[in-house]
Amino acid sequence: MDQYIINTQNFQLTHSDFLMRALVALGIGFIIGLEREHAAMQEKVKGFAGIRTFIFVVLLGFMAGMAHFLLSPIVYAGLLLTVIMLTGISYYITASKGDIGTTTEFSILIAFLLGSFAFLGMLEISLMIMVLVVVLLSAKVKLQSIVGAITVDELYDFIRFVVVALLVFPFLPNRAFDTFGVLNPREIGWVILLTSGLGFVGYMLMKFLGPNKGILISGLVGGLISSTALTWVFAKKSKVNEHYERHYAMAILAASSVMMLRVLIWTFVFNQNLFHTVYLYLLILFASTLGVTLFFLFQSKPSPLQEGSIRQGKPLDLQGALVFGLIYTVILLIVSYANAYMGDKGLLISSALAGLSDIDAITITVAKLALDGLDLTTACNALLIATLANTLVKLGIGIWAGSAALRRYLYIGYGVVIITALLLMVLFNS
């Protein structure tokens, strides 16, 4: 039987636990120290702390945690104060030489605390914090380049998003104001916030990845914003750049595959019971769309891509998000009315009509109605019908606005998706 090293009313520690936690502490100190020593060598400077120092600091935090239980909490406080004083002296010396950075000094303090967390058995938390620290430390150059590339408008829009998220959204009323009990300002605000945030993330990803990283990435990122809008842009461009028809088709289908994931995300966020019912069917649709995309990718030859193949627009489109919120509200009322007075048939018809313009609003609406008693089978059929309708709209856009070659590719790609969707509906209702 494993013997206790510490056995008090509030804390117990066996020999095997001690060994495991000590090894984790050693690993944490080694990894952070390795990154700091490598960074110092790359910058050709004499670092304040390297591998050995960080291992010692983490072990000191580990032993300080032990001393807290075996001796006195005052010992732990004294050791922590000693580390803070030595770190402060080191910073004073380096700052007097012109180096005013504090990254390594703060890393030392974090390492000490991580050693204490490891001793207490908080291994998962310690390792998670260690990973975050190492990632942030090693991303210095990339973070500097990203910050340097951010424009004033992008920074201003980010601040606007934070203001809306933290100072406006929390104060919206959290109760319904209609007879159907579906128009909740807090929930509508949450939808607007998610939509604008998704667009902002998509904008920044496109800015820093760029179309020259590959048109497949362009399609995937564009699908975060709007697969329908991306279909329109690339369909028009297929008439201008005749050698890129396959690439444009690949990007359009990639955006549609992301649309399937968005439906999954919305159902998971708003109704996990519906998610568990429909996720397999949506994953099959996603796999069919992605499969055709990859088929075109492997068939295509690398070619130079022009910058600006996707027009970015504004970083944070709050106006567009508000319009979406209005569309969502109208769809919510229409679908609620159809469900209340026309039954399941009315809901399916309204889902098909809503899917012609947007997939997100009808997905959220159906997910919410399923929480209020809508049958899950009907809800799943509504989602599949809306997805099929949206797919047909994008195929129509490609046929009307795209080149002849693009149309051929879309016939193949969306043909596979439509047939898959119809088979899934038959299978689901059998």
Protein backbone atom coordinates (compact mmCIF):
# COMPACT_ATOMS: atom_id res chain seq x y z
CA MET A 1 0.00 0.00 0.00
CA ASP A 2 1.33 3.41 -0.98
CA GLN A 3 2.41 5.40 2.08
CA TYR A 4 1.54 9.01 2.71
CA ILE A 5 4.18 11.71 2.72
CA ILE A 6 1.63 14.26 3.90
CA ASN A 7 -1.60 13.20 5.57
CA THR A 8 -3.59 16.03 7.07
CA GLN A 9 -7.28 16.80 7.26
CA ASN A 10 -7.08 19.13 4.26
CA PHE A 11 -4.35 17.53 2.15
CA GLN A 12 -2.96 14.06 1.43
CA LEU A 13 0.04 13.12 -0.69
CA THR A 14 1.38 9.62 -1.38
CA HIS A 15 4.84 8.64 -2.65
CA SER A 16 3.53 7.84 -6.15
CA ASP A 17 1.61 11.12 -6.34
CA PHE A 18 4.72 12.98 -5.23
CA LEU A 19 6.82 11.35 -7.94
CA MET A 20 4.27 12.04 -10.67
CA ARG A 21 3.79 15.68 -9.68
CA ALA A 22 7.53 16.27 -9.38
CA LEU A 23 8.09 14.89 -12.89
CA VAL A 24 5.39 17.18 -14.27
CA ALA A 25 7.00 20.15 -12.51
CA LEU A 26 10.39 19.24 -14.01
CA GLY A 27 8.83 19.04 -17.47
CA ILE A 28 7.17 22.42 -17.08
CA GLY A 29 10.43 24.08 -16.04
CA PHE A 30 12.36 22.38 -18.84
CA ILE A 31 9.92 23.40 -21.61
CA ILE A 32 9.59 27.05 -20.56
CA GLY A 33 13.33 27.28 -19.96
CA LEU A 34 14.06 25.73 -23.35
CA GLU A 35 11.95 28.34 -25.11
CA ARG A 36 13.57 31.22 -23.20
CA GLU A 37 17.12 29.96 -23.81
CA HIS A 38 16.42 29.38 -27.50
CA ALA A 39 14.92 32.88 -27.83
CA ALA A 40 18.03 34.39 -26.17
CA MET A 41 20.30 32.52 -28.58
CA GLN A 42 18.25 33.65 -31.57
CA GLU A 43 18.38 37.28 -30.44
CA LYS A 44 22.08 36.89 -29.55
CA VAL A 45 21.63 38.27 -26.05
CA LYS A 46 22.58 36.94 -22.65
CA GLY A 47 19.32 35.74 -21.18
CA PHE A 48 18.35 36.29 -17.58
CA ALA A 49 17.13 32.72 -17.22
CA GLY A 50 17.55 29.52 -19.22
CA ILE A 51 16.69 25.87 -18.86
CA ARG A 52 18.42 25.29 -15.52
CA THR A 53 17.08 28.47 -13.92
CA PHE A 54 13.50 27.73 -14.87
CA ILE A 55 13.78 24.13 -13.63
CA PHE A 56 15.11 25.44 -10.32
CA VAL A 57 12.34 28.05 -10.06
CA VAL A 58 9.59 25.50 -10.76
CA LEU A 59 11.11 23.07 -8.26
CA LEU A 60 11.36 25.89 -5.73
CA GLY A 61 7.64 26.57 -6.19
CA PHE A 62 7.02 22.82 -5.83
CA MET A 63 9.02 22.60 -2.56
CA ALA A 64 7.47 25.83 -1.31
CA GLY A 65 4.07 24.19 -1.66
CA MET A 66 5.34 21.22 0.37
CA ALA A 67 6.80 23.55 3.00
CA HIS A 68 3.40 25.22 3.31
CA PHE A 69 1.96 21.96 4.70
CA LEU A 70 5.01 20.51 6.46
CA LEU A 71 6.37 23.69 8.04
CA SER A 72 4.33 26.87 7.82
CA PRO A 73 2.52 29.05 5.26
CA ILE A 74 4.99 31.76 6.24
CA VAL A 75 7.78 29.71 4.59
CA TYR A 76 5.86 29.69 1.30
CA ALA A 77 5.28 33.44 1.49
CA GLY A 78 8.97 34.00 2.24
CA LEU A 79 10.14 31.91 -0.72
CA LEU A 80 7.69 33.64 -3.06
CA LEU A 81 8.86 37.04 -1.81
CA THR A 82 12.49 35.97 -2.37
CA VAL A 83 11.76 35.04 -5.99
CA ILE A 84 9.96 38.34 -6.54
CA MET A 85 12.90 40.30 -5.08
CA LEU A 86 15.53 38.45 -7.14
CA THR A 87 13.44 38.91 -10.27
CA GLY A 88 13.04 42.62 -9.51
CA ILE A 89 16.81 43.02 -9.03
CA SER A 90 17.42 41.26 -12.34
CA TYR A 91 14.97 43.54 -14.10
CA TYR A 92 16.63 46.62 -12.58
CA ILE A 93 20.01 45.51 -13.90
CA THR A 94 18.76 44.70 -17.40
CA ALA A 95 16.62 47.85 -17.60
CA SER A 96 19.64 49.99 -16.68
CA LYS A 97 21.33 48.56 -19.79
CA GLY A 98 18.43 49.60 -22.02
CA ASP A 99 16.44 46.35 -22.08
CA ILE A 100 13.09 47.23 -20.53
CA GLY A 101 11.24 44.04 -21.51
CA THR A 102 9.63 42.12 -18.66
CA THR A 103 8.59 38.93 -20.47
CA THR A 104 11.21 36.65 -18.91
CA GLU A 105 10.73 38.14 -15.44
CA PHE A 106 6.99 37.49 -15.51
CA SER A 107 7.70 34.00 -16.86
CA ILE A 108 9.82 33.32 -13.78
CA LEU A 109 6.96 34.25 -11.46
CA ILE A 110 4.50 32.15 -13.45
CA ALA A 111 6.94 29.21 -13.35
CA PHE A 112 7.15 29.41 -9.56
CA LEU A 113 3.36 29.34 -9.26
CA LEU A 114 3.12 26.48 -11.77
CA GLY A 115 5.46 24.48 -9.56
CA SER A 116 3.11 25.07 -6.64
CA PHE A 117 0.07 24.12 -8.75
CA ALA A 118 1.80 20.89 -9.78
CA PHE A 119 2.48 20.03 -6.13
CA LEU A 120 -1.19 20.55 -5.30
CA GLY A 121 -2.13 18.06 -8.03
CA MET A 122 -3.53 20.63 -10.47
CA LEU A 123 -1.65 18.95 -13.30
CA GLU A 124 -4.12 19.66 -16.12
CA ILE A 125 -4.34 23.35 -15.22
CA SER A 126 -0.56 23.61 -14.87
CA LEU A 127 0.06 22.02 -18.26
CA MET A 128 -2.61 24.15 -19.93
CA ILE A 129 -1.09 27.36 -18.55
CA MET A 130 2.39 26.16 -19.55
CA VAL A 131 1.22 25.64 -23.14
CA LEU A 132 -0.33 29.11 -23.26
CA VAL A 133 2.84 30.66 -21.85
CA VAL A 134 5.11 28.88 -24.33
CA VAL A 135 2.87 29.76 -27.27
CA LEU A 136 2.80 33.44 -26.30
CA LEU A 137 6.54 33.53 -25.66
CA SER A 138 7.40 31.90 -28.99
CA ALA A 139 4.92 34.01 -30.97
CA LYS A 140 6.67 37.31 -30.23
CA VAL A 141 7.77 38.04 -33.80
CA LYS A 142 4.47 36.94 -35.32
CA LEU A 143 2.46 38.95 -32.82
CA GLN A 144 4.55 42.04 -33.54
CA SER A 145 4.01 41.63 -37.29
CA ILE A 146 0.27 41.12 -36.79
CA VAL A 147 -0.05 44.18 -34.55
CA GLY A 148 1.97 46.23 -37.02
CA ALA A 149 -0.33 45.20 -39.88
CA ILE A 150 -3.55 46.16 -38.07
CA THR A 151 -5.02 49.36 -39.46
CA VAL A 152 -6.72 52.13 -37.49
CA ASP A 153 -10.11 51.11 -38.87
CA GLU A 154 -9.58 47.48 -37.82
CA LEU A 155 -8.53 48.52 -34.32
CA TYR A 156 -11.50 50.85 -34.07
CA ASP A 157 -13.89 48.11 -35.18
CA PHE A 158 -12.41 45.68 -32.66
CA ILE A 159 -12.98 48.25 -29.91
CA ARG A 160 -16.55 48.73 -31.12
CA PHE A 161 -17.13 44.99 -30.94
CA VAL A 162 -15.78 44.85 -27.39
CA VAL A 163 -18.00 47.79 -26.38
CA VAL A 164 -21.09 46.10 -27.83
CA ALA A 165 -20.19 42.75 -26.24
CA LEU A 166 -19.39 44.08 -22.77
CA LEU A 167 -21.37 47.30 -22.37
CA VAL A 168 -24.52 46.80 -24.47
CA PHE A 169 -25.34 43.11 -24.72
CA PRO A 170 -25.32 42.30 -20.95
CA PHE A 171 -27.99 44.94 -20.30
CA LEU A 172 -30.53 43.74 -22.87
CA PRO A 173 -33.80 42.47 -21.29
CA ASN A 174 -33.91 38.70 -20.98
CA ARG A 175 -37.64 38.12 -21.52
CA ALA A 176 -39.99 37.68 -24.45
CA PHE A 177 -42.29 40.51 -25.64
CA ASP A 178 -44.63 38.68 -28.05
CA THR A 179 -47.55 36.30 -27.90
CA PHE A 180 -45.45 33.39 -29.21
CA GLY A 181 -42.81 33.94 -26.54
CA VAL A 182 -39.92 33.95 -29.02
CA LEU A 183 -38.89 37.62 -29.35
CA ASN A 184 -36.31 37.86 -26.57
CA PRO A 185 -34.00 40.92 -26.90
CA ARG A 186 -31.15 39.13 -25.11
CA GLU A 187 -31.33 36.14 -27.45
CA ILE A 188 -31.64 38.33 -30.56
CA GLY A 189 -28.68 40.39 -29.35
CA TRP A 190 -26.70 37.18 -28.85
CA VAL A 191 -27.39 36.19 -32.46
CA ILE A 192 -26.28 39.62 -33.71
CA LEU A 193 -23.15 39.46 -31.56
CA LEU A 194 -22.23 36.00 -32.82
CA THR A 195 -22.85 36.99 -36.44
CA SER A 196 -20.74 40.14 -36.28
CA GLY A 197 -18.00 38.31 -34.39
CA LEU A 198 -17.96 35.54 -36.96
CA GLY A 199 -17.63 38.09 -39.75
CA PHE A 200 -14.80 39.88 -37.94
CA VAL A 201 -12.89 36.64 -37.40
CA GLY A 202 -13.37 35.72 -41.05
CA TYR A 203 -12.12 39.15 -42.13
CA MET A 204 -8.96 38.93 -40.02
CA LEU A 205 -8.20 35.39 -41.13
CA MET A 206 -8.52 36.43 -44.76
CA LYS A 207 -6.33 39.48 -44.14
CA PHE A 208 -3.45 37.54 -42.63
CA LEU A 209 -3.74 34.32 -44.63
CA GLY A 210 -4.50 36.00 -47.93
CA PRO A 211 -5.73 34.35 -51.14
CA ASN A 212 -2.16 33.51 -52.12
CA LYS A 213 -2.13 30.85 -49.38
CA GLY A 214 -4.47 28.87 -51.58
CA ILE A 215 -7.93 29.32 -52.95
CA LEU A 216 -9.18 26.46 -50.80
CA ILE A 217 -8.35 28.47 -47.66
CA SER A 218 -10.03 31.48 -49.27
CA GLY A 219 -13.20 29.46 -49.73
CA LEU A 220 -13.12 28.03 -46.21
CA VAL A 221 -12.56 31.46 -44.66
CA GLY A 222 -15.10 33.09 -46.97
CA GLY A 223 -17.60 30.48 -45.88
CA LEU A 224 -17.30 31.79 -42.33
CA ILE A 225 -18.72 35.09 -43.53
CA SER A 226 -21.25 34.04 -46.16
CA SER A 227 -21.08 31.11 -48.54
CA THR A 228 -23.81 32.71 -50.67
CA ALA A 229 -21.90 36.00 -50.99
CA LEU A 230 -18.70 34.12 -51.81
CA THR A 231 -20.56 32.13 -54.50
CA TRP A 232 -21.67 35.38 -56.11
CA VAL A 233 -18.15 36.90 -56.05
CA PHE A 234 -16.38 33.84 -57.43
CA ALA A 235 -19.06 33.11 -60.02
CA LYS A 236 -18.61 36.62 -61.43
CA LYS A 237 -14.83 36.25 -61.41
CA SER A 238 -14.99 32.96 -63.31
CA LYS A 239 -16.02 34.95 -66.41
CA VAL A 240 -12.99 37.20 -66.06
CA ASN A 241 -10.28 34.64 -65.20
CA GLU A 242 -10.98 31.74 -67.50
CA HIS A 243 -8.11 29.61 -66.20
CA TYR A 244 -9.45 29.53 -62.64
CA GLU A 245 -12.88 27.96 -63.13
CA ARG A 246 -11.94 24.77 -61.29
CA HIS A 247 -10.36 26.79 -58.48
CA TYR A 248 -13.44 28.98 -58.14
CA ALA A 249 -15.71 25.95 -58.06
CA MET A 250 -13.48 24.42 -55.41
CA ALA A 251 -13.72 27.58 -53.30
CA ILE A 252 -17.52 27.77 -53.66
CA LEU A 253 -17.92 24.15 -52.57
CA ALA A 254 -15.45 24.66 -49.70
CA ALA A 255 -17.55 27.59 -48.48
CA SER A 256 -20.65 25.40 -48.65
CA SER A 257 -18.93 22.74 -46.54
CA VAL A 258 -18.25 25.41 -43.92
CA MET A 259 -21.95 26.29 -44.09
CA MET A 260 -22.75 22.74 -42.98
CA LEU A 261 -20.44 23.19 -40.01
CA ARG A 262 -22.16 26.47 -39.16
CA VAL A 263 -25.49 24.65 -38.99
CA LEU A 264 -23.90 22.12 -36.64
CA ILE A 265 -22.47 24.89 -34.47
CA TRP A 266 -25.79 26.77 -34.23
CA THR A 267 -27.71 23.63 -33.28
CA PHE A 268 -25.10 22.72 -30.67
CA VAL A 269 -25.20 26.21 -29.16
CA PHE A 270 -28.99 26.57 -29.07
CA ASN A 271 -30.31 23.01 -28.71
CA GLN A 272 -28.03 20.09 -27.93
CA ASN A 273 -30.87 17.55 -28.13
CA LEU A 274 -31.50 18.61 -31.72
CA PHE A 275 -27.76 18.51 -32.35
CA HIS A 276 -27.51 14.90 -31.20
CA THR A 277 -30.43 14.00 -33.45
CA VAL A 278 -29.26 15.68 -36.65
CA TYR A 279 -25.45 15.82 -36.40
CA LEU A 280 -24.83 12.54 -38.24
CA TYR A 281 -26.88 13.63 -41.26
CA LEU A 282 -25.21 17.03 -41.39
CA LEU A 283 -21.78 15.42 -41.06
CA ILE A 284 -22.60 13.21 -44.04
CA LEU A 285 -23.61 16.30 -46.02
CA PHE A 286 -20.41 18.02 -44.91
CA ALA A 287 -18.35 14.99 -45.95
CA SER A 288 -19.99 14.87 -49.39
CA THR A 289 -19.35 18.59 -49.98
CA LEU A 290 -15.80 18.42 -48.70
CA GLY A 291 -15.18 15.24 -50.69
CA VAL A 292 -16.09 16.93 -53.99
CA THR A 293 -13.97 19.93 -52.98
CA LEU A 294 -10.95 17.73 -52.35
CA PHE A 295 -11.57 15.89 -55.63
CA PHE A 296 -11.32 19.19 -57.51
CA LEU A 297 -8.29 20.14 -55.42
CA PHE A 298 -6.37 16.99 -56.32
CA GLN A 299 -7.37 17.36 -59.98
CA SER A 300 -6.21 20.96 -60.22
CA LYS A 301 -2.70 22.19 -60.95
CA PRO A 302 -1.04 24.87 -58.79
CA SER A 303 -1.38 28.32 -60.29
CA PRO A 304 -0.58 31.83 -59.07
CA LEU A 305 -3.46 33.56 -57.35
CA GLN A 306 -4.11 37.24 -57.54
CA GLU A 307 -4.40 39.33 -54.41
CA GLY A 308 -7.84 40.67 -53.72
CA SER A 309 -9.68 37.70 -55.22
CA ILE A 310 -12.18 38.23 -52.41
CA ARG A 311 -13.22 41.76 -51.57
CA GLN A 312 -12.93 42.12 -47.86
CA GLY A 313 -15.36 44.91 -47.14
CA LYS A 314 -15.55 46.34 -43.62
CA PRO A 315 -13.77 44.56 -40.72
CA LEU A 316 -16.84 44.69 -38.45
CA ASP A 317 -20.15 44.83 -40.26
CA LEU A 318 -22.48 45.72 -37.39
CA GLN A 319 -25.02 47.10 -39.84
CA GLY A 320 -25.06 43.81 -41.71
CA ALA A 321 -25.34 41.93 -38.40
CA LEU A 322 -28.31 44.13 -37.43
CA VAL A 323 -29.94 43.39 -40.79
CA PHE A 324 -29.36 39.72 -40.13
CA GLY A 325 -30.92 40.17 -36.70
CA LEU A 326 -33.96 41.74 -38.35
CA ILE A 327 -34.18 38.88 -40.86
CA TYR A 328 -33.83 36.42 -38.00
CA THR A 329 -36.65 38.15 -36.09
CA VAL A 330 -38.97 38.14 -39.11
CA ILE A 331 -38.21 34.49 -39.84
CA LEU A 332 -38.74 33.66 -36.18
CA LEU A 333 -42.22 35.18 -36.29
CA ILE A 334 -43.12 33.60 -39.65
CA VAL A 335 -41.97 30.15 -38.60
CA SER A 336 -43.65 30.47 -35.19
CA TYR A 337 -46.91 31.53 -36.87
CA ALA A 338 -46.67 28.69 -39.39
CA ASN A 339 -45.94 26.20 -36.64
CA ALA A 340 -48.84 27.45 -34.49
CA TYR A 341 -51.54 27.74 -37.16
CA MET A 342 -50.42 25.54 -40.06
CA GLY A 343 -48.76 22.64 -38.25
CA ASP A 344 -45.71 20.77 -39.39
CA LYS A 345 -46.41 21.41 -43.08
CA GLY A 346 -46.31 25.18 -42.53
CA LEU A 347 -43.00 24.94 -40.69
CA LEU A 348 -41.43 22.94 -43.52
CA ILE A 349 -42.68 25.42 -46.14
CA SER A 350 -41.38 28.40 -44.16
CA SER A 351 -38.04 26.62 -43.67
CA ALA A 352 -37.69 26.14 -47.42
CA LEU A 353 -38.47 29.82 -48.03
CA ALA A 354 -36.09 30.99 -45.30
CA GLY A 355 -33.30 28.77 -46.64
CA LEU A 356 -33.49 30.58 -49.97
CA SER A 357 -31.87 33.64 -48.40
CA ASP A 358 -30.03 32.50 -45.30
CA ILE A 359 -29.32 29.29 -43.41
CA ASP A 360 -28.23 30.65 -40.05
CA ALA A 361 -31.46 32.39 -39.06
CA ILE A 362 -33.71 29.43 -39.82
CA THR A 363 -31.30 27.07 -38.06
CA ILE A 364 -31.38 29.12 -34.86
CA THR A 365 -35.15 29.54 -35.12
CA VAL A 366 -35.83 25.82 -35.51
CA ALA A 367 -33.40 25.01 -32.69
CA LYS A 368 -35.24 27.39 -30.37
CA LEU A 369 -38.67 26.09 -31.37
CA ALA A 370 -37.50 22.55 -30.66
CA LEU A 371 -36.77 23.70 -27.12
CA ASP A 372 -40.38 24.88 -26.81
CA GLY A 373 -41.96 21.58 -27.79
CA LEU A 374 -41.42 21.26 -31.55
CA ASP A 375 -41.01 17.61 -32.51
CA LEU A 376 -37.34 16.76 -33.15
CA THR A 377 -38.19 14.82 -36.31
CA THR A 378 -39.96 17.85 -37.75
CA ALA A 379 -37.09 20.10 -36.68
CA CYS A 380 -34.55 17.85 -38.41
CA ASN A 381 -36.62 17.79 -41.59
CA ALA A 382 -36.84 21.59 -41.46
CA LEU A 383 -33.05 21.88 -41.20
CA LEU A 384 -32.47 19.45 -44.08
CA ILE A 385 -35.01 21.26 -46.26
CA ALA A 386 -33.48 24.66 -45.46
CA THR A 387 -29.99 23.33 -46.25
CA LEU A 388 -31.21 21.87 -49.54
CA ALA A 389 -32.95 25.14 -50.46
CA ASN A 390 -29.83 27.15 -49.73
CA THR A 391 -27.75 24.75 -51.82
CA LEU A 392 -30.14 25.15 -54.76
CA VAL A 393 -29.89 28.94 -54.48
CA LYS A 394 -26.09 28.83 -54.67
CA LEU A 395 -26.27 26.47 -57.63
CA GLY A 396 -28.65 28.92 -59.30
CA ILE A 397 -26.28 31.82 -58.64
CA GLY A 398 -23.39 29.87 -60.14
CA ILE A 399 -25.44 28.95 -63.23
CA TRP A 400 -26.66 32.52 -63.76
CA ALA A 401 -23.51 34.49 -62.94
CA GLY A 402 -20.73 32.00 -63.68
CA SER A 403 -18.91 30.87 -66.78
CA ALA A 404 -19.83 27.74 -68.73
CA ALA A 405 -16.88 25.81 -67.26
CA LEU A 406 -17.82 26.84 -63.71
CA ARG A 407 -21.37 25.65 -64.31
CA ARG A 408 -20.09 22.22 -65.31
CA TYR A 409 -18.08 21.90 -62.12
CA LEU A 410 -20.98 23.08 -59.99
CA TYR A 411 -23.35 20.64 -61.68
CA ILE A 412 -21.03 17.84 -60.56
CA GLY A 413 -20.30 19.18 -57.08
CA TYR A 414 -23.76 20.35 -56.06
CA GLY A 415 -25.33 17.41 -57.88
CA VAL A 416 -23.56 15.09 -55.44
CA VAL A 417 -24.64 17.25 -52.48
CA ILE A 418 -28.29 17.50 -53.58
CA ILE A 419 -28.58 13.76 -54.22
CA THR A 420 -26.99 13.09 -50.81
CA ALA A 421 -29.43 15.48 -49.11
CA LEU A 422 -32.44 13.86 -50.78
CA LEU A 423 -31.25 10.37 -49.82
CA LEU A 424 -30.70 11.48 -46.23
CA MET A 425 -34.22 12.91 -46.05
CA VAL A 426 -35.65 9.65 -47.34
CA LEU A 427 -33.51 7.68 -44.88
CA PHE A 428 -34.43 9.95 -41.96
CA ASN A 429 -38.16 9.65 -42.63
CA SER A 430 -38.18 5.93 -43.41
